[in-house]
Amino acid sequence: MTRTRRGYISNRHRTKIRLFASNFNGGHSRLTRSIIQQKIRALASAHRDRDGQKRKFRRLWVTRINAVIRENMISINYNRLINNIYKRQLLLNRKILAQIAILNRNCLYTISNNILNTTT
């Protein structure tokens, strides 16, 4: 039986896989079997870590808001601020509050003072 060279489709498939793994190190970017295993692992890790990324950003926003509030020595703490924002039904989530805290602290101070004055 004559030798058959593997065809166009298999080579195209391997090339497509190698493009995904072009920035991997060593044999993980050159050997087809290793590339397939690394691709599966990379995609699984990316899927798993999306939720972790959301948690990390929320922690960052909370930390930023809390830091700005403490720096100003406002008599309201983070917990009461968020609670009163929800009670007054303001459409400000933690992400927006953190951006306000970084870019325009005076605006955050006025928001917190207005909340403090209306609740007491």
PDB file of N, CA and C in Angstrom:
ATOM      1  N   MET A   1       0.838  -1.175   0.000  1.00  0.00           N
ATOM      2  CA  MET A   1       0.000   0.000   0.000  1.00  0.00           C
ATOM      3  C   MET A   1       0.887   1.245   0.000  1.00  0.00           C
ATOM      4  N   THR A   2       0.506   2.188  -0.787  1.00  0.00           N
ATOM      5  CA  THR A   2       1.320   3.393  -0.895  1.00  0.00           C
ATOM      6  C   THR A   2       1.085   4.317   0.311  1.00  0.00           C
ATOM      7  N   ARG A   3       2.102   5.103   0.583  1.00  0.00           N
ATOM      8  CA  ARG A   3       2.056   6.013   1.727  1.00  0.00           C
ATOM      9  C   ARG A   3       1.162   7.209   1.388  1.00  0.00           C
ATOM     10  N   THR A   4       0.292   7.544   2.334  1.00  0.00           N
ATOM     11  CA  THR A   4      -0.599   8.675   2.128  1.00  0.00           C
ATOM     12  C   THR A   4      -0.103   9.857   2.945  1.00  0.00           C
ATOM     13  N   ARG A   5       0.039  10.967   2.299  1.00  0.00           N
ATOM     14  CA  ARG A   5       0.401  12.183   3.033  1.00  0.00           C
ATOM     15  C   ARG A   5      -0.885  12.784   3.594  1.00  0.00           C
ATOM     16  N   ARG A   6      -0.784  13.236   4.848  1.00  0.00           N
ATOM     17  CA  ARG A   6      -1.971  13.821   5.459  1.00  0.00           C
ATOM     18  C   ARG A   6      -2.295  15.115   4.744  1.00  0.00           C
ATOM     19  N   GLY A   7      -3.570  15.371   4.634  1.00  0.00           N
ATOM     20  CA  GLY A   7      -4.002  16.391   3.714  1.00  0.00           C
ATOM     21  C   GLY A   7      -4.118  17.791   4.281  1.00  0.00           C
ATOM     22  N   TYR A   8      -4.724  18.594   3.476  1.00  0.00           N
ATOM     23  CA  TYR A   8      -4.855  20.026   3.683  1.00  0.00           C
ATOM     24  C   TYR A   8      -5.632  20.347   4.956  1.00  0.00           C
ATOM     25  N   ILE A   9      -6.692  19.595   5.223  1.00  0.00           N
ATOM     26  CA  ILE A   9      -7.580  19.911   6.337  1.00  0.00           C
ATOM     27  C   ILE A   9      -6.869  19.718   7.675  1.00  0.00           C
ATOM     28  N   SER A  10      -6.102  18.618   7.811  1.00  0.00           N
ATOM     29  CA  SER A  10      -5.377  18.370   9.057  1.00  0.00           C
ATOM     30  C   SER A  10      -4.334  19.453   9.303  1.00  0.00           C
ATOM     31  N   ASN A  11      -3.615  19.827   8.257  1.00  0.00           N
ATOM     32  CA  ASN A  11      -2.601  20.883   8.411  1.00  0.00           C
ATOM     33  C   ASN A  11      -3.245  22.208   8.786  1.00  0.00           C
ATOM     34  N   ARG A  12      -4.374  22.508   8.180  1.00  0.00           N
ATOM     35  CA  ARG A  12      -5.072  23.752   8.488  1.00  0.00           C
ATOM     36  C   ARG A  12      -5.547  23.756   9.942  1.00  0.00           C
ATOM     37  N   HIS A  13      -6.019  22.611  10.423  1.00  0.00           N
ATOM     38  CA  HIS A  13      -6.472  22.478  11.810  1.00  0.00           C
ATOM     39  C   HIS A  13      -5.309  22.706  12.769  1.00  0.00           C
ATOM     40  N   ARG A  14      -4.162  22.095  12.505  1.00  0.00           N
ATOM     41  CA  ARG A  14      -2.987  22.269  13.361  1.00  0.00           C
ATOM     42  C   ARG A  14      -2.498  23.703  13.343  1.00  0.00           C
ATOM     43  N   THR A  15      -2.529  24.343  12.192  1.00  0.00           N
ATOM     44  CA  THR A  15      -2.103  25.740  12.089  1.00  0.00           C
ATOM     45  C   THR A  15      -2.996  26.644  12.919  1.00  0.00           C
ATOM     46  N   LYS A  16      -4.294  26.375  12.883  1.00  0.00           N
ATOM     47  CA  LYS A  16      -5.241  27.178  13.651  1.00  0.00           C
ATOM     48  C   LYS A  16      -4.983  27.022  15.149  1.00  0.00           C
ATOM     49  N   ILE A  17      -4.692  25.797  15.586  1.00  0.00           N
ATOM     50  CA  ILE A  17      -4.391  25.557  16.996  1.00  0.00           C
ATOM     51  C   ILE A  17      -3.095  26.252  17.377  1.00  0.00           C
ATOM     52  N   ARG A  18      -2.095  26.211  16.495  1.00  0.00           N
ATOM     53  CA  ARG A  18      -0.802  26.848  16.797  1.00  0.00           C
ATOM     54  C   ARG A  18      -0.927  28.357  16.909  1.00  0.00           C
ATOM     55  N   LEU A  19      -1.838  28.957  16.174  1.00  0.00           N
ATOM     56  CA  LEU A  19      -2.053  30.400  16.296  1.00  0.00           C
ATOM     57  C   LEU A  19      -2.551  30.756  17.697  1.00  0.00           C
ATOM     58  N   PHE A  20      -3.374  29.906  18.278  1.00  0.00           N
ATOM     59  CA  PHE A  20      -3.871  30.150  19.632  1.00  0.00           C
ATOM     60  C   PHE A  20      -2.727  30.099  20.640  1.00  0.00           C
ATOM     61  N   ALA A  21      -1.797  29.167  20.421  1.00  0.00           N
ATOM     62  CA  ALA A  21      -0.737  28.918  21.404  1.00  0.00           C
ATOM     63  C   ALA A  21       0.579  29.589  21.039  1.00  0.00           C
ATOM     64  N   SER A  22       0.541  30.589  20.197  1.00  0.00           N
ATOM     65  CA  SER A  22       1.789  31.175  19.719  1.00  0.00           C
ATOM     66  C   SER A  22       2.594  31.860  20.811  1.00  0.00           C
ATOM     67  N   ASN A  23       1.947  32.294  21.892  1.00  0.00           N
ATOM     68  CA  ASN A  23       2.687  32.975  22.944  1.00  0.00           C
ATOM     69  C   ASN A  23       2.975  32.079  24.142  1.00  0.00           C
ATOM     70  N   PHE A  24       2.707  30.772  24.036  1.00  0.00           N
ATOM     71  CA  PHE A  24       3.059  29.849  25.096  1.00  0.00           C
ATOM     72  C   PHE A  24       4.555  29.562  25.039  1.00  0.00           C
ATOM     73  N   ASN A  25       5.116  29.032  26.142  1.00  0.00           N
ATOM     74  CA  ASN A  25       6.557  28.787  26.214  1.00  0.00           C
ATOM     75  C   ASN A  25       6.919  27.371  25.790  1.00  0.00           C
ATOM     76  N   GLY A  26       8.084  27.234  25.167  1.00  0.00           N
ATOM     77  CA  GLY A  26       8.678  25.929  24.885  1.00  0.00           C
ATOM     78  C   GLY A  26       7.827  25.055  23.989  1.00  0.00           C
ATOM     79  N   GLY A  27       7.777  23.764  24.356  1.00  0.00           N
ATOM     80  CA  GLY A  27       7.037  22.799  23.571  1.00  0.00           C
ATOM     81  C   GLY A  27       5.548  23.043  23.582  1.00  0.00           C
ATOM     82  N   HIS A  28       5.074  23.821  24.547  1.00  0.00           N
ATOM     83  CA  HIS A  28       3.645  24.121  24.614  1.00  0.00           C
ATOM     84  C   HIS A  28       3.197  24.958  23.419  1.00  0.00           C
ATOM     85  N   SER A  29       4.138  25.564  22.727  1.00  0.00           N
ATOM     86  CA  SER A  29       3.773  26.339  21.540  1.00  0.00           C
ATOM     87  C   SER A  29       4.146  25.626  20.247  1.00  0.00           C
ATOM     88  N   ARG A  30       4.832  24.467  20.361  1.00  0.00           N
ATOM     89  CA  ARG A  30       5.309  23.794  19.154  1.00  0.00           C
ATOM     90  C   ARG A  30       4.752  22.396  18.934  1.00  0.00           C
ATOM     91  N   LEU A  31       4.442  21.687  19.998  1.00  0.00           N
ATOM     92  CA  LEU A  31       4.003  20.303  19.880  1.00  0.00           C
ATOM     93  C   LEU A  31       2.470  20.241  19.920  1.00  0.00           C
ATOM     94  N   THR A  32       1.908  19.585  18.926  1.00  0.00           N
ATOM     95  CA  THR A  32       0.452  19.623  18.746  1.00  0.00           C
ATOM     96  C   THR A  32      -0.297  19.088  19.959  1.00  0.00           C
ATOM     97  N   ARG A  33       0.157  17.968  20.509  1.00  0.00           N
ATOM     98  CA  ARG A  33      -0.546  17.400  21.657  1.00  0.00           C
ATOM     99  C   ARG A  33      -0.499  18.335  22.866  1.00  0.00           C
ATOM    100  N   SER A  34       0.676  18.882  23.107  1.00  0.00           N
ATOM    101  CA  SER A  34       0.826  19.815  24.227  1.00  0.00           C
ATOM    102  C   SER A  34      -0.013  21.066  24.014  1.00  0.00           C
ATOM    103  N   ILE A  35      -0.047  21.529  22.775  1.00  0.00           N
ATOM    104  CA  ILE A  35      -0.835  22.721  22.465  1.00  0.00           C
ATOM    105  C   ILE A  35      -2.304  22.481  22.784  1.00  0.00           C
ATOM    106  N   ILE A  36      -2.831  21.322  22.395  1.00  0.00           N
ATOM    107  CA  ILE A  36      -4.241  21.016  22.635  1.00  0.00           C
ATOM    108  C   ILE A  36      -4.521  20.974  24.128  1.00  0.00           C
ATOM    109  N   GLN A  37      -3.636  20.337  24.906  1.00  0.00           N
ATOM    110  CA  GLN A  37      -3.835  20.261  26.352  1.00  0.00           C
ATOM    111  C   GLN A  37      -3.769  21.649  26.989  1.00  0.00           C
ATOM    112  N   GLN A  38      -2.799  22.458  26.574  1.00  0.00           N
ATOM    113  CA  GLN A  38      -2.649  23.795  27.128  1.00  0.00           C
ATOM    114  C   GLN A  38      -3.839  24.688  26.761  1.00  0.00           C
ATOM    115  N   LYS A  39      -4.363  24.490  25.555  1.00  0.00           N
ATOM    116  CA  LYS A  39      -5.520  25.280  25.124  1.00  0.00           C
ATOM    117  C   LYS A  39      -6.727  24.964  26.000  1.00  0.00           C
ATOM    118  N   ILE A  40      -6.955  23.676  26.257  1.00  0.00           N
ATOM    119  CA  ILE A  40      -8.071  23.280  27.102  1.00  0.00           C
ATOM    120  C   ILE A  40      -7.908  23.885  28.497  1.00  0.00           C
ATOM    121  N   ARG A  41      -6.699  23.807  29.012  1.00  0.00           N
ATOM    122  CA  ARG A  41      -6.437  24.327  30.355  1.00  0.00           C
ATOM    123  C   ARG A  41      -6.602  25.846  30.413  1.00  0.00           C
ATOM    124  N   ALA A  42      -6.093  26.543  29.390  1.00  0.00           N
ATOM    125  CA  ALA A  42      -6.183  28.002  29.360  1.00  0.00           C
ATOM    126  C   ALA A  42      -7.631  28.471  29.287  1.00  0.00           C
ATOM    127  N   LEU A  43      -8.427  27.824  28.446  1.00  0.00           N
ATOM    128  CA  LEU A  43      -9.819  28.231  28.312  1.00  0.00           C
ATOM    129  C   LEU A  43     -10.616  27.933  29.586  1.00  0.00           C
ATOM    130  N   ALA A  44     -10.290  26.792  30.242  1.00  0.00           N
ATOM    131  CA  ALA A  44     -10.966  26.461  31.496  1.00  0.00           C
ATOM    132  C   ALA A  44     -10.616  27.476  32.581  1.00  0.00           C
ATOM    133  N   SER A  45      -9.350  27.875  32.647  1.00  0.00           N
ATOM    134  CA  SER A  45      -8.921  28.858  33.650  1.00  0.00           C
ATOM    135  C   SER A  45      -9.570  30.211  33.388  1.00  0.00           C
ATOM    136  N   ALA A  46      -9.652  30.592  32.125  1.00  0.00           N
ATOM    137  CA  ALA A  46     -10.266  31.874  31.786  1.00  0.00           C
ATOM    138  C   ALA A  46     -11.734  31.884  32.184  1.00  0.00           C
ATOM    139  N   HIS A  47     -12.417  30.787  31.947  1.00  0.00           N
ATOM    140  CA  HIS A  47     -13.831  30.691  32.298  1.00  0.00           C
ATOM    141  C   HIS A  47     -14.017  30.753  33.808  1.00  0.00           C
ATOM    142  N   ARG A  48     -13.163  30.046  34.536  1.00  0.00           N
ATOM    143  CA  ARG A  48     -13.261  30.012  35.995  1.00  0.00           C
ATOM    144  C   ARG A  48     -12.957  31.374  36.615  1.00  0.00           C
ATOM    145  N   ASP A  49     -11.980  32.082  36.071  1.00  0.00           N
ATOM    146  CA  ASP A  49     -11.502  33.307  36.704  1.00  0.00           C
ATOM    147  C   ASP A  49     -12.335  34.532  36.373  1.00  0.00           C
ATOM    148  N   ARG A  50     -13.304  34.407  35.497  1.00  0.00           N
ATOM    149  CA  ARG A  50     -14.154  35.564  35.215  1.00  0.00           C
ATOM    150  C   ARG A  50     -14.929  35.983  36.461  1.00  0.00           C
ATOM    151  N   ASP A  51     -15.436  35.005  37.225  1.00  0.00           N
ATOM    152  CA  ASP A  51     -16.154  35.327  38.455  1.00  0.00           C
ATOM    153  C   ASP A  51     -15.216  35.929  39.485  1.00  0.00           C
ATOM    154  N   GLY A  52     -14.006  35.403  39.571  1.00  0.00           N
ATOM    155  CA  GLY A  52     -13.021  35.951  40.498  1.00  0.00           C
ATOM    156  C   GLY A  52     -12.685  37.388  40.168  1.00  0.00           C
ATOM    157  N   GLN A  53     -12.632  37.703  38.886  1.00  0.00           N
ATOM    158  CA  GLN A  53     -12.334  39.062  38.467  1.00  0.00           C
ATOM    159  C   GLN A  53     -13.432  40.015  38.927  1.00  0.00           C
ATOM    160  N   LYS A  54     -14.673  39.589  38.831  1.00  0.00           N
ATOM    161  CA  LYS A  54     -15.784  40.418  39.285  1.00  0.00           C
ATOM    162  C   LYS A  54     -15.665  40.686  40.792  1.00  0.00           C
ATOM    163  N   ARG A  55     -15.316  39.640  41.554  1.00  0.00           N
ATOM    164  CA  ARG A  55     -15.144  39.812  42.999  1.00  0.00           C
ATOM    165  C   ARG A  55     -14.019  40.780  43.311  1.00  0.00           C
ATOM    166  N   LYS A  56     -12.899  40.665  42.587  1.00  0.00           N
ATOM    167  CA  LYS A  56     -11.748  41.536  42.837  1.00  0.00           C
ATOM    168  C   LYS A  56     -12.086  42.997  42.566  1.00  0.00           C
ATOM    169  N   PHE A  57     -12.802  43.247  41.490  1.00  0.00           N
ATOM    170  CA  PHE A  57     -13.152  44.629  41.179  1.00  0.00           C
ATOM    171  C   PHE A  57     -14.102  45.206  42.221  1.00  0.00           C
ATOM    172  N   ARG A  58     -15.048  44.392  42.678  1.00  0.00           N
ATOM    173  CA  ARG A  58     -15.969  44.888  43.706  1.00  0.00           C
ATOM    174  C   ARG A  58     -15.207  45.241  44.977  1.00  0.00           C
ATOM    175  N   ARG A  59     -14.249  44.410  45.378  1.00  0.00           N
ATOM    176  CA  ARG A  59     -13.424  44.711  46.559  1.00  0.00           C
ATOM    177  C   ARG A  59     -12.634  45.990  46.368  1.00  0.00           C
ATOM    178  N   LEU A  60     -12.114  46.194  45.155  1.00  0.00           N
ATOM    179  CA  LEU A  60     -11.357  47.407  44.862  1.00  0.00           C
ATOM    180  C   LEU A  60     -12.235  48.644  44.993  1.00  0.00           C
ATOM    181  N   TRP A  61     -13.464  48.569  44.454  1.00  0.00           N
ATOM    182  CA  TRP A  61     -14.376  49.712  44.521  1.00  0.00           C
ATOM    183  C   TRP A  61     -14.717  50.038  45.974  1.00  0.00           C
ATOM    184  N   VAL A  62     -15.001  49.015  46.768  1.00  0.00           N
ATOM    185  CA  VAL A  62     -15.340  49.222  48.172  1.00  0.00           C
ATOM    186  C   VAL A  62     -14.171  49.867  48.906  1.00  0.00           C
ATOM    187  N   THR A  63     -12.964  49.385  48.643  1.00  0.00           N
ATOM    188  CA  THR A  63     -11.779  49.935  49.290  1.00  0.00           C
ATOM    189  C   THR A  63     -11.578  51.401  48.934  1.00  0.00           C
ATOM    190  N   ARG A  64     -11.774  51.746  47.668  1.00  0.00           N
ATOM    191  CA  ARG A  64     -11.598  53.129  47.240  1.00  0.00           C
ATOM    192  C   ARG A  64     -12.613  54.055  47.894  1.00  0.00           C
ATOM    193  N   ILE A  65     -13.861  53.644  47.914  1.00  0.00           N
ATOM    194  CA  ILE A  65     -14.906  54.472  48.519  1.00  0.00           C
ATOM    195  C   ILE A  65     -14.619  54.668  50.001  1.00  0.00           C
ATOM    196  N   ASN A  66     -14.299  53.585  50.672  1.00  0.00           N
ATOM    197  CA  ASN A  66     -14.032  53.631  52.106  1.00  0.00           C
ATOM    198  C   ASN A  66     -12.839  54.530  52.412  1.00  0.00           C
ATOM    199  N   ALA A  67     -11.795  54.452  51.595  1.00  0.00           N
ATOM    200  CA  ALA A  67     -10.598  55.267  51.830  1.00  0.00           C
ATOM    201  C   ALA A  67     -10.909  56.755  51.715  1.00  0.00           C
ATOM    202  N   VAL A  68     -11.666  57.125  50.705  1.00  0.00           N
ATOM    203  CA  VAL A  68     -11.996  58.545  50.511  1.00  0.00           C
ATOM    204  C   VAL A  68     -12.885  59.042  51.643  1.00  0.00           C
ATOM    205  N   ILE A  69     -13.828  58.218  52.075  1.00  0.00           N
ATOM    206  CA  ILE A  69     -14.708  58.624  53.170  1.00  0.00           C
ATOM    207  C   ILE A  69     -13.909  58.811  54.455  1.00  0.00           C
ATOM    208  N   ARG A  70     -13.015  57.896  54.761  1.00  0.00           N
ATOM    209  CA  ARG A  70     -12.216  58.003  55.981  1.00  0.00           C
ATOM    210  C   ARG A  70     -11.265  59.193  55.927  1.00  0.00           C
ATOM    211  N   GLU A  71     -10.739  59.471  54.743  1.00  0.00           N
ATOM    212  CA  GLU A  71      -9.788  60.568  54.594  1.00  0.00           C
ATOM    213  C   GLU A  71     -10.437  61.912  54.914  1.00  0.00           C
ATOM    214  N   ASN A  72     -11.699  62.057  54.573  1.00  0.00           N
ATOM    215  CA  ASN A  72     -12.397  63.317  54.784  1.00  0.00           C
ATOM    216  C   ASN A  72     -12.903  63.483  56.207  1.00  0.00           C
ATOM    217  N   MET A  73     -12.826  62.415  57.005  1.00  0.00           N
ATOM    218  CA  MET A  73     -13.316  62.445  58.386  1.00  0.00           C
ATOM    219  C   MET A  73     -14.818  62.747  58.453  1.00  0.00           C
ATOM    220  N   ILE A  74     -15.564  62.223  57.505  1.00  0.00           N
ATOM    221  CA  ILE A  74     -17.018  62.361  57.540  1.00  0.00           C
ATOM    222  C   ILE A  74     -17.529  61.489  58.668  1.00  0.00           C
ATOM    223  N   SER A  75     -18.587  61.929  59.310  1.00  0.00           N
ATOM    224  CA  SER A  75     -19.091  61.170  60.460  1.00  0.00           C
ATOM    225  C   SER A  75     -19.900  59.948  60.023  1.00  0.00           C
ATOM    226  N   ILE A  76     -19.964  59.711  58.737  1.00  0.00           N
ATOM    227  CA  ILE A  76     -20.683  58.541  58.222  1.00  0.00           C
ATOM    228  C   ILE A  76     -19.649  57.536  57.735  1.00  0.00           C
ATOM    229  N   ASN A  77     -19.874  56.251  58.019  1.00  0.00           N
ATOM    230  CA  ASN A  77     -18.938  55.236  57.538  1.00  0.00           C
ATOM    231  C   ASN A  77     -19.474  54.594  56.259  1.00  0.00           C
ATOM    232  N   TYR A  78     -18.679  53.717  55.674  1.00  0.00           N
ATOM    233  CA  TYR A  78     -19.029  53.104  54.384  1.00  0.00           C
ATOM    234  C   TYR A  78     -20.363  52.380  54.462  1.00  0.00           C
ATOM    235  N   ASN A  79     -20.534  51.607  55.516  1.00  0.00           N
ATOM    236  CA  ASN A  79     -21.740  50.791  55.663  1.00  0.00           C
ATOM    237  C   ASN A  79     -22.996  51.669  55.684  1.00  0.00           C
ATOM    238  N   ARG A  80     -22.974  52.733  56.462  1.00  0.00           N
ATOM    239  CA  ARG A  80     -24.129  53.622  56.543  1.00  0.00           C
ATOM    240  C   ARG A  80     -24.349  54.371  55.237  1.00  0.00           C
ATOM    241  N   LEU A  81     -23.256  54.738  54.575  1.00  0.00           N
ATOM    242  CA  LEU A  81     -23.377  55.437  53.287  1.00  0.00           C
ATOM    243  C   LEU A  81     -24.115  54.578  52.269  1.00  0.00           C
ATOM    244  N   ILE A  82     -23.689  53.342  52.104  1.00  0.00           N
ATOM    245  CA  ILE A  82     -24.321  52.435  51.132  1.00  0.00           C
ATOM    246  C   ILE A  82     -25.773  52.157  51.533  1.00  0.00           C
ATOM    247  N   ASN A  83     -25.991  51.960  52.822  1.00  0.00           N
ATOM    248  CA  ASN A  83     -27.340  51.689  53.306  1.00  0.00           C
ATOM    249  C   ASN A  83     -28.270  52.857  52.999  1.00  0.00           C
ATOM    250  N   ASN A  84     -27.816  54.072  53.257  1.00  0.00           N
ATOM    251  CA  ASN A  84     -28.651  55.246  53.013  1.00  0.00           C
ATOM    252  C   ASN A  84     -28.848  55.511  51.518  1.00  0.00           C
ATOM    253  N   ILE A  85     -27.844  55.176  50.712  1.00  0.00           N
ATOM    254  CA  ILE A  85     -28.004  55.323  49.255  1.00  0.00           C
ATOM    255  C   ILE A  85     -29.123  54.409  48.764  1.00  0.00           C
ATOM    256  N   TYR A  86     -29.168  53.171  49.281  1.00  0.00           N
ATOM    257  CA  TYR A  86     -30.230  52.258  48.887  1.00  0.00           C
ATOM    258  C   TYR A  86     -31.584  52.698  49.436  1.00  0.00           C
ATOM    259  N   LYS A  87     -31.607  53.229  50.660  1.00  0.00           N
ATOM    260  CA  LYS A  87     -32.869  53.693  51.232  1.00  0.00           C
ATOM    261  C   LYS A  87     -33.464  54.841  50.423  1.00  0.00           C
ATOM    262  N   ARG A  88     -32.588  55.754  49.964  1.00  0.00           N
ATOM    263  CA  ARG A  88     -33.060  56.897  49.189  1.00  0.00           C
ATOM    264  C   ARG A  88     -33.248  56.559  47.721  1.00  0.00           C
ATOM    265  N   GLN A  89     -32.946  55.324  47.344  1.00  0.00           N
ATOM    266  CA  GLN A  89     -33.118  54.802  45.983  1.00  0.00           C
ATOM    267  C   GLN A  89     -32.340  55.622  44.953  1.00  0.00           C
ATOM    268  N   LEU A  90     -31.101  55.961  45.307  1.00  0.00           N
ATOM    269  CA  LEU A  90     -30.213  56.614  44.346  1.00  0.00           C
ATOM    270  C   LEU A  90     -29.627  55.550  43.436  1.00  0.00           C
ATOM    271  N   LEU A  91     -29.524  55.851  42.179  1.00  0.00           N
ATOM    272  CA  LEU A  91     -29.010  54.879  41.218  1.00  0.00           C
ATOM    273  C   LEU A  91     -27.502  55.025  41.087  1.00  0.00           C
ATOM    274  N   LEU A  92     -26.810  54.815  42.201  1.00  0.00           N
ATOM    275  CA  LEU A  92     -25.353  54.866  42.210  1.00  0.00           C
ATOM    276  C   LEU A  92     -24.839  53.540  42.735  1.00  0.00           C
ATOM    277  N   ASN A  93     -24.207  52.779  41.868  1.00  0.00           N
ATOM    278  CA  ASN A  93     -23.625  51.536  42.341  1.00  0.00           C
ATOM    279  C   ASN A  93     -22.185  51.782  42.802  1.00  0.00           C
ATOM    280  N   ARG A  94     -21.534  50.753  43.291  1.00  0.00           N
ATOM    281  CA  ARG A  94     -20.195  50.908  43.857  1.00  0.00           C
ATOM    282  C   ARG A  94     -19.173  51.332  42.814  1.00  0.00           C
ATOM    283  N   LYS A  95     -19.344  50.858  41.590  1.00  0.00           N
ATOM    284  CA  LYS A  95     -18.409  51.227  40.521  1.00  0.00           C
ATOM    285  C   LYS A  95     -18.465  52.730  40.260  1.00  0.00           C
ATOM    286  N   ILE A  96     -19.658  53.266  40.139  1.00  0.00           N
ATOM    287  CA  ILE A  96     -19.822  54.698  39.879  1.00  0.00           C
ATOM    288  C   ILE A  96     -19.324  55.510  41.067  1.00  0.00           C
ATOM    289  N   LEU A  97     -19.652  55.072  42.286  1.00  0.00           N
ATOM    290  CA  LEU A  97     -19.184  55.782  43.470  1.00  0.00           C
ATOM    291  C   LEU A  97     -17.665  55.795  43.554  1.00  0.00           C
ATOM    292  N   ALA A  98     -17.028  54.679  43.181  1.00  0.00           N
ATOM    293  CA  ALA A  98     -15.560  54.620  43.211  1.00  0.00           C
ATOM    294  C   ALA A  98     -14.964  55.578  42.182  1.00  0.00           C
ATOM    295  N   GLN A  99     -15.569  55.672  41.002  1.00  0.00           N
ATOM    296  CA  GLN A  99     -15.077  56.613  39.991  1.00  0.00           C
ATOM    297  C   GLN A  99     -15.252  58.052  40.464  1.00  0.00           C
ATOM    298  N   ILE A 100     -16.373  58.339  41.097  1.00  0.00           N
ATOM    299  CA  ILE A 100     -16.591  59.680  41.643  1.00  0.00           C
ATOM    300  C   ILE A 100     -15.561  59.963  42.732  1.00  0.00           C
ATOM    301  N   ALA A 101     -15.290  58.962  43.565  1.00  0.00           N
ATOM    302  CA  ALA A 101     -14.332  59.137  44.659  1.00  0.00           C
ATOM    303  C   ALA A 101     -12.940  59.469  44.135  1.00  0.00           C
ATOM    304  N   ILE A 102     -12.552  58.877  43.023  1.00  0.00           N
ATOM    305  CA  ILE A 102     -11.216  59.123  42.477  1.00  0.00           C
ATOM    306  C   ILE A 102     -11.171  60.430  41.695  1.00  0.00           C
ATOM    307  N   LEU A 103     -12.133  60.637  40.822  1.00  0.00           N
ATOM    308  CA  LEU A 103     -12.071  61.772  39.906  1.00  0.00           C
ATOM    309  C   LEU A 103     -12.554  63.078  40.527  1.00  0.00           C
ATOM    310  N   ASN A 104     -13.579  63.014  41.383  1.00  0.00           N
ATOM    311  CA  ASN A 104     -14.164  64.238  41.917  1.00  0.00           C
ATOM    312  C   ASN A 104     -14.599  63.995  43.360  1.00  0.00           C
ATOM    313  N   ARG A 105     -13.665  64.154  44.286  1.00  0.00           N
ATOM    314  CA  ARG A 105     -13.955  63.860  45.687  1.00  0.00           C
ATOM    315  C   ARG A 105     -15.004  64.796  46.263  1.00  0.00           C
ATOM    316  N   ASN A 106     -14.993  66.043  45.828  1.00  0.00           N
ATOM    317  CA  ASN A 106     -15.972  67.004  46.355  1.00  0.00           C
ATOM    318  C   ASN A 106     -17.400  66.548  46.073  1.00  0.00           C
ATOM    319  N   CYS A 107     -17.599  65.943  44.929  1.00  0.00           N
ATOM    320  CA  CYS A 107     -18.925  65.437  44.576  1.00  0.00           C
ATOM    321  C   CYS A 107     -19.346  64.331  45.548  1.00  0.00           C
ATOM    322  N   LEU A 108     -18.419  63.435  45.876  1.00  0.00           N
ATOM    323  CA  LEU A 108     -18.720  62.371  46.840  1.00  0.00           C
ATOM    324  C   LEU A 108     -19.001  62.960  48.218  1.00  0.00           C
ATOM    325  N   TYR A 109     -18.268  64.004  48.584  1.00  0.00           N
ATOM    326  CA  TYR A 109     -18.502  64.654  49.871  1.00  0.00           C
ATOM    327  C   TYR A 109     -19.903  65.259  49.917  1.00  0.00           C
ATOM    328  N   THR A 110     -20.298  65.909  48.840  1.00  0.00           N
ATOM    329  CA  THR A 110     -21.637  66.512  48.826  1.00  0.00           C
ATOM    330  C   THR A 110     -22.728  65.443  48.870  1.00  0.00           C
ATOM    331  N   ILE A 111     -22.519  64.353  48.170  1.00  0.00           N
ATOM    332  CA  ILE A 111     -23.488  63.244  48.199  1.00  0.00           C
ATOM    333  C   ILE A 111     -23.624  62.716  49.628  1.00  0.00           C
ATOM    334  N   SER A 112     -22.484  62.453  50.267  1.00  0.00           N
ATOM    335  CA  SER A 112     -22.533  61.901  51.625  1.00  0.00           C
ATOM    336  C   SER A 112     -23.120  62.897  52.613  1.00  0.00           C
ATOM    337  N   ASN A 113     -22.813  64.192  52.461  1.00  0.00           N
ATOM    338  CA  ASN A 113     -23.370  65.200  53.372  1.00  0.00           C
ATOM    339  C   ASN A 113     -24.873  65.345  53.180  1.00  0.00           C
ATOM    340  N   ASN A 114     -25.333  65.317  51.940  1.00  0.00           N
ATOM    341  CA  ASN A 114     -26.778  65.400  51.688  1.00  0.00           C
ATOM    342  C   ASN A 114     -27.503  64.193  52.291  1.00  0.00           C
ATOM    343  N   ILE A 115     -26.919  63.031  52.146  1.00  0.00           N
ATOM    344  CA  ILE A 115     -27.522  61.831  52.708  1.00  0.00           C
ATOM    345  C   ILE A 115     -27.562  61.942  54.233  1.00  0.00           C
ATOM    346  N   LEU A 116     -26.465  62.456  54.802  1.00  0.00           N
ATOM    347  CA  LEU A 116     -26.383  62.581  56.257  1.00  0.00           C
ATOM    348  C   LEU A 116     -27.405  63.591  56.783  1.00  0.00           C
ATOM    349  N   ASN A 117     -27.572  64.703  56.073  1.00  0.00           N
ATOM    350  CA  ASN A 117     -28.484  65.749  56.528  1.00  0.00           C
ATOM    351  C   ASN A 117     -29.946  65.326  56.413  1.00  0.00           C
ATOM    352  N   THR A 118     -30.288  64.551  55.383  1.00  0.00           N
ATOM    353  CA  THR A 118     -31.688  64.174  55.189  1.00  0.00           C
ATOM    354  C   THR A 118     -32.111  63.028  56.100  1.00  0.00           C
ATOM    355  N   THR A 119     -31.161  62.174  56.495  1.00  0.00           N
ATOM    356  CA  THR A 119     -31.535  61.020  57.321  1.00  0.00           C
ATOM    357  C   THR A 119     -31.645  61.390  58.785  1.00  0.00           C
ATOM    358  N   THR A 120     -30.927  62.428  59.234  1.00  0.00           N
ATOM    359  CA  THR A 120     -30.985  62.770  60.658  1.00  0.00           C
ATOM    360  C   THR A 120     -32.056  63.772  60.966  1.00  0.00           C
TER     361      THR A 120
END
